[in-house]
N, C-alpha and C. Protein backbone atom coordinates (compact mmCIF):
# COMPACT_ATOMS: atom_id res chain seq x y z
N UNK A 1 10.15 17.31 40.49
CA UNK A 1 9.82 16.41 41.59
C UNK A 1 11.02 15.50 41.85
N UNK A 2 11.38 15.36 43.11
CA UNK A 2 12.47 14.46 43.49
C UNK A 2 11.93 13.04 43.61
N UNK A 3 12.60 12.10 42.96
CA UNK A 3 12.28 10.68 43.10
C UNK A 3 13.21 10.12 44.17
N UNK A 4 12.62 9.59 45.24
CA UNK A 4 13.40 9.06 46.36
C UNK A 4 13.01 7.62 46.62
N UNK A 5 14.00 6.78 46.84
CA UNK A 5 13.76 5.39 47.22
C UNK A 5 13.88 5.29 48.73
N UNK A 6 12.95 4.57 49.35
CA UNK A 6 12.93 4.39 50.80
C UNK A 6 12.95 2.90 51.08
N UNK A 7 13.96 2.44 51.81
CA UNK A 7 14.07 0.99 52.08
C UNK A 7 14.80 0.74 53.38
N UNK A 8 14.48 -0.39 53.97
CA UNK A 8 15.25 -0.92 55.10
C UNK A 8 15.90 -2.20 54.60
N UNK A 9 17.19 -2.35 54.88
CA UNK A 9 17.87 -3.54 54.39
C UNK A 9 18.86 -4.07 55.41
N UNK A 10 18.94 -5.39 55.45
CA UNK A 10 19.93 -6.06 56.28
C UNK A 10 21.24 -6.12 55.50
N UNK A 11 22.23 -6.78 56.08
CA UNK A 11 23.49 -6.98 55.37
C UNK A 11 23.22 -7.72 54.07
N UNK A 12 24.09 -7.54 53.10
CA UNK A 12 23.95 -8.14 51.77
C UNK A 12 22.73 -7.61 51.03
N UNK A 13 22.21 -6.45 51.43
CA UNK A 13 21.09 -5.75 50.78
C UNK A 13 19.78 -6.53 50.83
N UNK A 14 19.61 -7.44 51.78
CA UNK A 14 18.36 -8.20 51.94
C UNK A 14 17.25 -7.26 52.40
N UNK A 15 16.12 -7.27 51.66
CA UNK A 15 14.96 -6.45 52.05
C UNK A 15 13.73 -7.30 52.34
N UNK A 16 13.76 -8.58 51.98
CA UNK A 16 12.57 -9.39 52.22
C UNK A 16 12.83 -10.87 52.14
N UNK A 17 11.89 -11.62 52.72
CA UNK A 17 11.90 -13.08 52.65
C UNK A 17 10.46 -13.55 52.76
N UNK A 18 10.06 -14.36 51.79
CA UNK A 18 8.70 -14.93 51.78
C UNK A 18 7.62 -13.86 51.91
N UNK A 19 7.80 -12.73 51.22
CA UNK A 19 6.79 -11.68 51.21
C UNK A 19 6.72 -10.82 52.45
N UNK A 20 7.73 -10.89 53.30
CA UNK A 20 7.73 -10.11 54.53
C UNK A 20 9.15 -9.63 54.82
N UNK A 21 9.28 -8.73 55.78
CA UNK A 21 10.61 -8.30 56.21
C UNK A 21 11.08 -9.25 57.30
N UNK A 22 12.32 -9.74 57.21
CA UNK A 22 12.81 -10.72 58.20
C UNK A 22 13.32 -10.08 59.49
N UNK A 23 12.66 -9.03 59.96
CA UNK A 23 13.00 -8.38 61.22
C UNK A 23 11.77 -7.59 61.68
N UNK A 24 11.78 -7.19 62.93
CA UNK A 24 10.73 -6.31 63.47
C UNK A 24 11.41 -5.24 64.30
N UNK A 25 11.38 -4.02 63.80
CA UNK A 25 12.03 -2.88 64.45
C UNK A 25 11.04 -1.72 64.53
N UNK A 26 10.29 -1.60 65.62
CA UNK A 26 9.31 -0.52 65.73
C UNK A 26 9.89 0.87 65.51
N UNK A 27 11.11 1.12 65.97
CA UNK A 27 11.71 2.44 65.78
C UNK A 27 11.98 2.71 64.30
N UNK A 28 12.31 1.68 63.55
CA UNK A 28 12.53 1.86 62.11
C UNK A 28 11.20 2.14 61.41
N UNK A 29 10.14 1.48 61.83
CA UNK A 29 8.81 1.74 61.24
C UNK A 29 8.38 3.19 61.51
N UNK A 30 8.70 3.71 62.68
CA UNK A 30 8.40 5.11 62.99
C UNK A 30 9.21 6.05 62.09
N UNK A 31 10.46 5.69 61.84
CA UNK A 31 11.29 6.48 60.93
C UNK A 31 10.67 6.48 59.53
N UNK A 32 10.25 5.31 59.04
CA UNK A 32 9.60 5.20 57.73
C UNK A 32 8.38 6.12 57.67
N UNK A 33 7.57 6.08 58.71
CA UNK A 33 6.37 6.91 58.75
C UNK A 33 6.73 8.39 58.68
N UNK A 34 7.72 8.80 59.46
CA UNK A 34 8.14 10.20 59.49
C UNK A 34 8.64 10.67 58.12
N UNK A 35 9.39 9.82 57.44
CA UNK A 35 9.97 10.19 56.15
C UNK A 35 8.91 10.26 55.05
N UNK A 36 7.89 9.41 55.11
CA UNK A 36 6.92 9.30 54.01
C UNK A 36 5.61 10.05 54.24
N UNK A 37 5.30 10.42 55.46
CA UNK A 37 4.01 11.03 55.78
C UNK A 37 3.75 12.28 54.94
N UNK A 38 2.55 12.36 54.37
CA UNK A 38 2.16 13.51 53.57
C UNK A 38 2.68 13.50 52.15
N UNK A 39 3.39 12.46 51.76
CA UNK A 39 3.97 12.38 50.42
C UNK A 39 3.36 11.20 49.66
N UNK A 40 3.35 11.26 48.33
CA UNK A 40 2.88 10.09 47.58
C UNK A 40 3.88 8.95 47.72
N UNK A 41 3.35 7.73 47.88
CA UNK A 41 4.19 6.53 47.95
C UNK A 41 3.84 5.62 46.78
N UNK A 42 4.88 5.11 46.12
CA UNK A 42 4.71 4.20 44.99
C UNK A 42 5.24 2.85 45.41
N UNK A 43 4.44 1.81 45.17
CA UNK A 43 4.85 0.45 45.53
C UNK A 43 4.31 -0.53 44.51
N UNK A 44 4.92 -1.70 44.48
CA UNK A 44 4.42 -2.78 43.65
C UNK A 44 3.22 -3.45 44.30
N UNK A 45 2.51 -4.24 43.50
CA UNK A 45 1.31 -4.93 43.99
C UNK A 45 1.62 -5.84 45.17
N UNK A 46 2.71 -6.61 45.08
CA UNK A 46 3.03 -7.54 46.17
C UNK A 46 3.34 -6.79 47.47
N UNK A 47 4.01 -5.66 47.37
CA UNK A 47 4.28 -4.84 48.56
C UNK A 47 2.98 -4.32 49.15
N UNK A 48 2.09 -3.84 48.29
CA UNK A 48 0.79 -3.36 48.77
C UNK A 48 0.03 -4.47 49.48
N UNK A 49 0.02 -5.65 48.87
CA UNK A 49 -0.69 -6.78 49.49
C UNK A 49 -0.06 -7.19 50.81
N UNK A 50 1.27 -7.08 50.93
CA UNK A 50 1.91 -7.46 52.20
C UNK A 50 1.59 -6.45 53.30
N UNK A 51 1.40 -5.18 52.94
CA UNK A 51 1.00 -4.16 53.92
C UNK A 51 -0.46 -4.39 54.32
N UNK A 52 -1.28 -4.74 53.35
CA UNK A 52 -2.66 -5.11 53.62
C UNK A 52 -3.69 -3.99 53.63
N UNK A 53 -3.23 -2.76 53.48
CA UNK A 53 -4.15 -1.62 53.48
C UNK A 53 -3.41 -0.39 52.96
N UNK A 54 -4.14 0.63 52.54
CA UNK A 54 -3.45 1.87 52.15
C UNK A 54 -2.75 2.50 53.35
N UNK A 55 -1.61 3.10 53.12
CA UNK A 55 -0.91 3.82 54.18
C UNK A 55 -1.62 5.15 54.42
N UNK A 56 -2.02 5.44 55.65
CA UNK A 56 -2.78 6.67 55.91
C UNK A 56 -1.95 7.93 55.70
N UNK A 57 -2.66 8.98 55.33
CA UNK A 57 -2.09 10.33 55.15
C UNK A 57 -0.99 10.36 54.10
N UNK A 58 -1.13 9.49 53.10
CA UNK A 58 -0.22 9.45 51.96
C UNK A 58 -1.05 9.08 50.73
N UNK A 59 -0.70 9.62 49.57
CA UNK A 59 -1.31 9.16 48.33
C UNK A 59 -0.66 7.83 48.00
N UNK A 60 -1.45 6.76 47.93
CA UNK A 60 -0.95 5.42 47.66
C UNK A 60 -1.09 5.11 46.18
N UNK A 61 0.03 4.82 45.53
CA UNK A 61 0.06 4.50 44.11
C UNK A 61 0.66 3.11 43.97
N UNK A 62 -0.09 2.20 43.34
CA UNK A 62 0.36 0.82 43.20
C UNK A 62 0.66 0.55 41.73
N UNK A 63 1.86 0.06 41.49
CA UNK A 63 2.31 -0.28 40.15
C UNK A 63 2.02 -1.76 39.91
N UNK A 64 1.18 -2.04 38.90
CA UNK A 64 0.81 -3.43 38.61
C UNK A 64 0.58 -3.59 37.12
N UNK A 65 1.18 -4.61 36.55
CA UNK A 65 1.02 -4.87 35.12
C UNK A 65 -0.36 -5.47 34.81
N UNK A 66 -1.12 -5.82 35.83
CA UNK A 66 -2.43 -6.47 35.65
C UNK A 66 -3.51 -5.52 35.14
N UNK A 67 -3.28 -4.23 35.22
CA UNK A 67 -4.31 -3.26 34.86
C UNK A 67 -3.90 -2.50 33.61
N UNK A 68 -4.78 -2.51 32.61
CA UNK A 68 -4.48 -1.83 31.35
C UNK A 68 -4.61 -0.32 31.48
N UNK A 69 -5.58 0.13 32.26
CA UNK A 69 -5.83 1.56 32.41
C UNK A 69 -5.68 1.96 33.88
N UNK A 70 -5.15 3.15 34.12
CA UNK A 70 -5.09 3.62 35.51
C UNK A 70 -6.51 3.76 36.08
N UNK A 71 -6.66 3.45 37.35
CA UNK A 71 -7.93 3.68 38.02
C UNK A 71 -7.70 3.85 39.51
N UNK A 72 -8.70 4.41 40.16
CA UNK A 72 -8.66 4.60 41.61
C UNK A 72 -9.70 3.69 42.23
N UNK A 73 -9.29 2.85 43.19
CA UNK A 73 -10.23 1.91 43.80
C UNK A 73 -11.03 2.58 44.91
N UNK A 74 -11.92 1.80 45.54
CA UNK A 74 -12.83 2.34 46.56
C UNK A 74 -12.12 2.83 47.81
N UNK A 75 -10.86 2.44 48.01
CA UNK A 75 -10.09 2.91 49.17
C UNK A 75 -9.21 4.12 48.83
N UNK A 76 -9.32 4.60 47.58
CA UNK A 76 -8.54 5.75 47.16
C UNK A 76 -7.15 5.43 46.65
N UNK A 77 -6.85 4.13 46.50
CA UNK A 77 -5.55 3.72 45.98
C UNK A 77 -5.55 3.88 44.46
N UNK A 78 -4.50 4.49 43.94
CA UNK A 78 -4.37 4.69 42.50
C UNK A 78 -3.55 3.54 41.93
N UNK A 79 -4.12 2.82 40.96
CA UNK A 79 -3.46 1.68 40.32
C UNK A 79 -3.00 2.10 38.93
N UNK A 80 -1.72 1.88 38.63
CA UNK A 80 -1.15 2.24 37.33
C UNK A 80 -0.30 1.07 36.82
N UNK A 81 0.03 1.10 35.52
CA UNK A 81 0.80 -0.02 34.96
C UNK A 81 2.18 0.37 34.44
N UNK A 82 2.65 1.57 34.76
CA UNK A 82 3.99 1.95 34.32
C UNK A 82 4.60 2.95 35.29
N UNK A 83 5.92 2.98 35.38
CA UNK A 83 6.57 3.98 36.23
C UNK A 83 6.21 5.42 35.84
N UNK A 84 6.10 5.68 34.53
CA UNK A 84 5.75 7.03 34.08
C UNK A 84 4.38 7.45 34.59
N UNK A 85 3.41 6.53 34.54
CA UNK A 85 2.07 6.84 35.05
C UNK A 85 2.08 7.00 36.57
N UNK A 86 2.94 6.26 37.25
CA UNK A 86 3.06 6.40 38.71
C UNK A 86 3.53 7.81 39.06
N UNK A 87 4.54 8.30 38.34
CA UNK A 87 5.04 9.65 38.60
C UNK A 87 3.99 10.69 38.25
N UNK A 88 3.26 10.44 37.17
CA UNK A 88 2.18 11.36 36.79
C UNK A 88 1.11 11.40 37.89
N UNK A 89 0.78 10.25 38.45
CA UNK A 89 -0.23 10.18 39.51
C UNK A 89 0.22 10.89 40.78
N UNK A 90 1.53 11.01 40.97
CA UNK A 90 2.06 11.71 42.15
C UNK A 90 1.80 13.20 42.08
N UNK A 91 1.43 13.68 40.89
CA UNK A 91 1.06 15.08 40.74
C UNK A 91 2.22 16.02 40.89
N UNK A 92 1.97 17.12 41.55
CA UNK A 92 2.98 18.18 41.68
C UNK A 92 3.67 18.16 43.03
N UNK A 93 3.82 16.99 43.60
CA UNK A 93 4.50 16.86 44.89
C UNK A 93 5.97 17.22 44.74
N UNK A 94 6.56 17.70 45.82
CA UNK A 94 7.99 18.01 45.79
C UNK A 94 8.83 16.74 45.73
N UNK A 95 8.32 15.66 46.35
CA UNK A 95 9.09 14.42 46.46
C UNK A 95 8.13 13.24 46.41
N UNK A 96 8.45 12.23 45.62
CA UNK A 96 7.67 11.00 45.56
C UNK A 96 8.53 9.89 46.15
N UNK A 97 7.92 9.07 47.00
CA UNK A 97 8.65 8.05 47.74
C UNK A 97 8.38 6.67 47.13
N UNK A 98 9.42 6.02 46.66
CA UNK A 98 9.32 4.68 46.09
C UNK A 98 9.62 3.71 47.23
N UNK A 99 8.64 2.86 47.60
CA UNK A 99 8.78 2.06 48.82
C UNK A 99 8.85 0.56 48.57
N UNK A 100 9.07 0.14 47.34
CA UNK A 100 9.31 -1.28 47.09
C UNK A 100 8.24 -1.96 46.28
N UNK A 101 8.52 -3.18 46.02
CA UNK A 101 9.60 -4.05 46.39
C UNK A 101 10.79 -3.99 45.45
N UNK A 102 11.52 -5.10 45.42
CA UNK A 102 12.79 -5.16 44.71
C UNK A 102 12.70 -4.76 43.25
N UNK A 103 11.69 -5.26 42.54
CA UNK A 103 11.55 -4.94 41.12
C UNK A 103 11.25 -3.45 40.92
N UNK A 104 10.40 -2.90 41.76
CA UNK A 104 10.05 -1.48 41.66
C UNK A 104 11.27 -0.61 41.96
N UNK A 105 12.06 -0.98 42.95
CA UNK A 105 13.29 -0.24 43.22
C UNK A 105 14.21 -0.23 41.99
N UNK A 106 14.36 -1.40 41.36
CA UNK A 106 15.23 -1.47 40.17
C UNK A 106 14.71 -0.59 39.04
N UNK A 107 13.39 -0.53 38.88
CA UNK A 107 12.82 0.30 37.81
C UNK A 107 13.05 1.78 38.05
N UNK A 108 12.98 2.23 39.29
CA UNK A 108 13.09 3.66 39.59
C UNK A 108 14.50 4.13 39.92
N UNK A 109 15.42 3.22 40.22
CA UNK A 109 16.77 3.62 40.63
C UNK A 109 17.46 4.54 39.62
N UNK A 110 17.36 4.29 38.29
CA UNK A 110 18.06 5.17 37.36
C UNK A 110 17.63 6.64 37.43
N UNK A 111 16.40 6.90 37.85
CA UNK A 111 15.94 8.29 37.93
C UNK A 111 15.89 8.83 39.36
N UNK A 112 16.27 8.02 40.32
CA UNK A 112 16.25 8.45 41.72
C UNK A 112 17.34 9.49 41.96
N UNK A 113 17.00 10.48 42.78
CA UNK A 113 17.96 11.51 43.19
C UNK A 113 18.35 11.37 44.65
N UNK A 114 17.51 10.65 45.41
CA UNK A 114 17.75 10.54 46.85
C UNK A 114 17.39 9.13 47.31
N UNK A 115 18.14 8.64 48.30
CA UNK A 115 17.86 7.34 48.91
C UNK A 115 17.75 7.54 50.42
N UNK A 116 16.65 7.06 50.99
CA UNK A 116 16.50 7.00 52.44
C UNK A 116 16.65 5.52 52.80
N UNK A 117 17.83 5.14 53.23
CA UNK A 117 18.11 3.74 53.49
C UNK A 117 18.35 3.51 54.97
N UNK A 118 17.68 2.49 55.49
CA UNK A 118 17.96 2.02 56.83
C UNK A 118 18.83 0.79 56.69
N UNK A 119 20.02 0.86 57.25
CA UNK A 119 20.98 -0.25 57.17
C UNK A 119 20.97 -0.96 58.53
N UNK A 120 20.48 -2.20 58.51
CA UNK A 120 20.28 -2.96 59.75
C UNK A 120 21.48 -3.88 59.98
N UNK A 121 21.99 -3.86 61.18
CA UNK A 121 23.13 -4.71 61.55
C UNK A 121 22.61 -6.12 61.80
N UNK A 122 22.33 -6.81 60.71
CA UNK A 122 21.74 -8.15 60.77
C UNK A 122 22.13 -8.93 59.52
N UNK A 123 22.64 -10.12 59.72
CA UNK A 123 22.91 -11.03 58.60
C UNK A 123 21.78 -12.04 58.60
N UNK A 124 21.02 -12.08 57.52
CA UNK A 124 19.86 -12.97 57.44
C UNK A 124 19.65 -13.44 56.01
N UNK A 125 18.99 -14.55 55.87
CA UNK A 125 18.65 -15.06 54.54
C UNK A 125 17.49 -14.23 53.98
N UNK A 126 17.45 -14.13 52.68
CA UNK A 126 16.36 -13.40 52.04
C UNK A 126 16.17 -13.84 50.61
N UNK A 127 15.06 -13.43 50.03
CA UNK A 127 14.81 -13.73 48.62
C UNK A 127 14.53 -12.47 47.81
N UNK A 128 14.57 -11.32 48.47
CA UNK A 128 14.37 -10.04 47.79
C UNK A 128 15.47 -9.09 48.26
N UNK A 129 16.05 -8.37 47.29
CA UNK A 129 17.22 -7.55 47.57
C UNK A 129 17.05 -6.13 47.04
N UNK A 130 17.64 -5.18 47.75
CA UNK A 130 17.73 -3.82 47.24
C UNK A 130 18.81 -3.81 46.18
N UNK A 131 18.60 -3.07 45.09
CA UNK A 131 19.63 -3.07 44.04
C UNK A 131 20.95 -2.48 44.52
N UNK A 132 22.02 -2.85 43.84
CA UNK A 132 23.35 -2.32 44.16
C UNK A 132 23.41 -0.88 43.65
N UNK A 133 23.01 0.04 44.50
CA UNK A 133 22.90 1.43 44.07
C UNK A 133 24.25 2.05 43.75
N UNK A 134 25.32 1.59 44.38
CA UNK A 134 26.64 2.14 44.08
C UNK A 134 27.05 1.84 42.64
N UNK A 135 26.60 0.72 42.09
CA UNK A 135 26.90 0.37 40.71
C UNK A 135 26.05 1.18 39.73
N UNK A 136 25.00 1.82 40.23
CA UNK A 136 24.07 2.55 39.37
C UNK A 136 24.28 4.06 39.40
N UNK A 137 25.42 4.51 39.89
CA UNK A 137 25.67 5.94 39.93
C UNK A 137 26.53 6.32 41.11
N UNK A 138 26.85 7.60 41.18
CA UNK A 138 27.65 8.12 42.28
C UNK A 138 26.71 8.70 43.33
N UNK A 139 26.90 8.26 44.57
CA UNK A 139 26.04 8.69 45.67
C UNK A 139 26.89 9.23 46.80
N UNK A 140 26.43 10.32 47.40
CA UNK A 140 27.10 10.90 48.55
C UNK A 140 26.24 10.66 49.79
N UNK A 141 26.86 10.12 50.83
CA UNK A 141 26.18 9.94 52.10
C UNK A 141 26.11 11.31 52.78
N UNK A 142 24.89 11.84 52.96
CA UNK A 142 24.75 13.17 53.54
C UNK A 142 24.26 13.14 54.98
N UNK A 143 23.77 11.98 55.42
CA UNK A 143 23.31 11.86 56.81
C UNK A 143 23.37 10.40 57.22
N UNK A 144 23.85 10.14 58.44
CA UNK A 144 23.86 8.79 58.98
C UNK A 144 23.69 8.89 60.49
N UNK A 145 22.61 8.27 60.99
CA UNK A 145 22.29 8.32 62.42
C UNK A 145 22.20 6.89 62.95
N UNK A 146 22.93 6.63 64.03
CA UNK A 146 22.89 5.30 64.65
C UNK A 146 21.72 5.19 65.62
N UNK A 147 21.04 4.04 65.57
CA UNK A 147 19.95 3.71 66.49
C UNK A 147 20.33 2.40 67.17
N UNK A 148 20.91 2.45 68.37
CA UNK A 148 21.34 1.22 69.05
C UNK A 148 20.16 0.31 69.37
N UNK A 149 20.45 -0.97 69.46
CA UNK A 149 19.41 -1.93 69.84
C UNK A 149 18.93 -1.61 71.26
N UNK A 150 17.68 -1.99 71.53
CA UNK A 150 17.12 -1.79 72.87
C UNK A 150 16.08 -2.88 73.11
N UNK A 151 15.30 -2.75 74.16
CA UNK A 151 14.33 -3.79 74.53
C UNK A 151 13.28 -4.04 73.43
N UNK A 152 12.94 -3.00 72.67
CA UNK A 152 11.92 -3.14 71.62
C UNK A 152 12.49 -3.34 70.23
N UNK A 153 13.76 -3.03 70.05
CA UNK A 153 14.41 -3.09 68.74
C UNK A 153 15.66 -3.95 68.87
N UNK A 154 15.57 -5.22 68.48
CA UNK A 154 16.64 -6.17 68.77
C UNK A 154 17.92 -5.99 67.96
N UNK A 155 17.91 -5.10 66.95
CA UNK A 155 19.10 -4.92 66.13
C UNK A 155 19.46 -3.44 66.05
N UNK A 156 20.74 -3.15 66.11
CA UNK A 156 21.20 -1.80 65.84
C UNK A 156 20.95 -1.50 64.37
N UNK A 157 20.54 -0.27 64.08
CA UNK A 157 20.37 0.12 62.68
C UNK A 157 20.80 1.57 62.50
N UNK A 158 21.06 1.93 61.25
CA UNK A 158 21.50 3.26 60.88
C UNK A 158 20.53 3.82 59.86
N UNK A 159 19.99 5.01 60.10
CA UNK A 159 19.19 5.67 59.09
C UNK A 159 20.13 6.57 58.29
N UNK A 160 20.12 6.37 56.98
CA UNK A 160 21.05 7.05 56.09
C UNK A 160 20.30 7.78 54.98
N UNK A 161 20.84 8.90 54.57
CA UNK A 161 20.32 9.61 53.40
C UNK A 161 21.48 9.76 52.43
N UNK A 162 21.25 9.28 51.20
CA UNK A 162 22.22 9.42 50.13
C UNK A 162 21.64 10.35 49.07
N UNK A 163 22.49 11.18 48.51
CA UNK A 163 22.10 12.09 47.44
C UNK A 163 22.92 11.73 46.20
N UNK A 164 22.24 11.67 45.05
CA UNK A 164 22.96 11.38 43.80
C UNK A 164 23.90 12.55 43.49
N UNK A 165 25.11 12.22 43.10
CA UNK A 165 26.11 13.20 42.70
C UNK A 165 26.24 13.12 41.19
N UNK A 166 26.01 14.24 40.52
CA UNK A 166 26.12 14.24 39.06
C UNK A 166 27.58 14.20 38.66
N UNK A 167 27.86 13.40 37.64
CA UNK A 167 29.24 13.24 37.16
C UNK A 167 29.74 14.48 36.47
C-alpha cells in the first residue's frame, strides 16, 4: 500500500491558523476531492473536528490518543490510537491518503512514498506547518500544474506530485 500525504500549503509551509485554513480556494478543494475520492483518508482528531463530518465516499480513519481501543462510531468513522492501526484500518487499499494535521503529517512522513501538495502563492501567518519534506528524504517532482487566480479563487496555486526517490 502506498502511503501518500495530501496537503495545501502557503509560502513558508503554512497549512493552518486557529484550526482552519487561512484561504478559500474552491478549485483546490475540488482537486483534493478528486485525489482522495474512493480512498481511505487518515486524519488527526482536530482535523476531523474542523471538517465537522466524515468525508463522503472515503473510509474515514481518525488518529486520536484519547481512545485505548480502535472502534467505529455511528457515522462509520474508524477511531484508532496509532499510525500502525490507522494503516491496518485502511485495509488492502492501493493508496492511503494522510490528510493532516501537522502532527499527523510528521508521524507519517518517514514512511510516505508520495506527496500530493498544493503550493499556494500566498504569504500568510499561521500556527500549523507542513513538515520540511526535503529534509526528510529525496523527492522528485513528477507533476506540477498551475492554476491561475480567477473570480472564485483569489490566489494562484500549483498542484504538485512528488515521489520519494530511494537513495
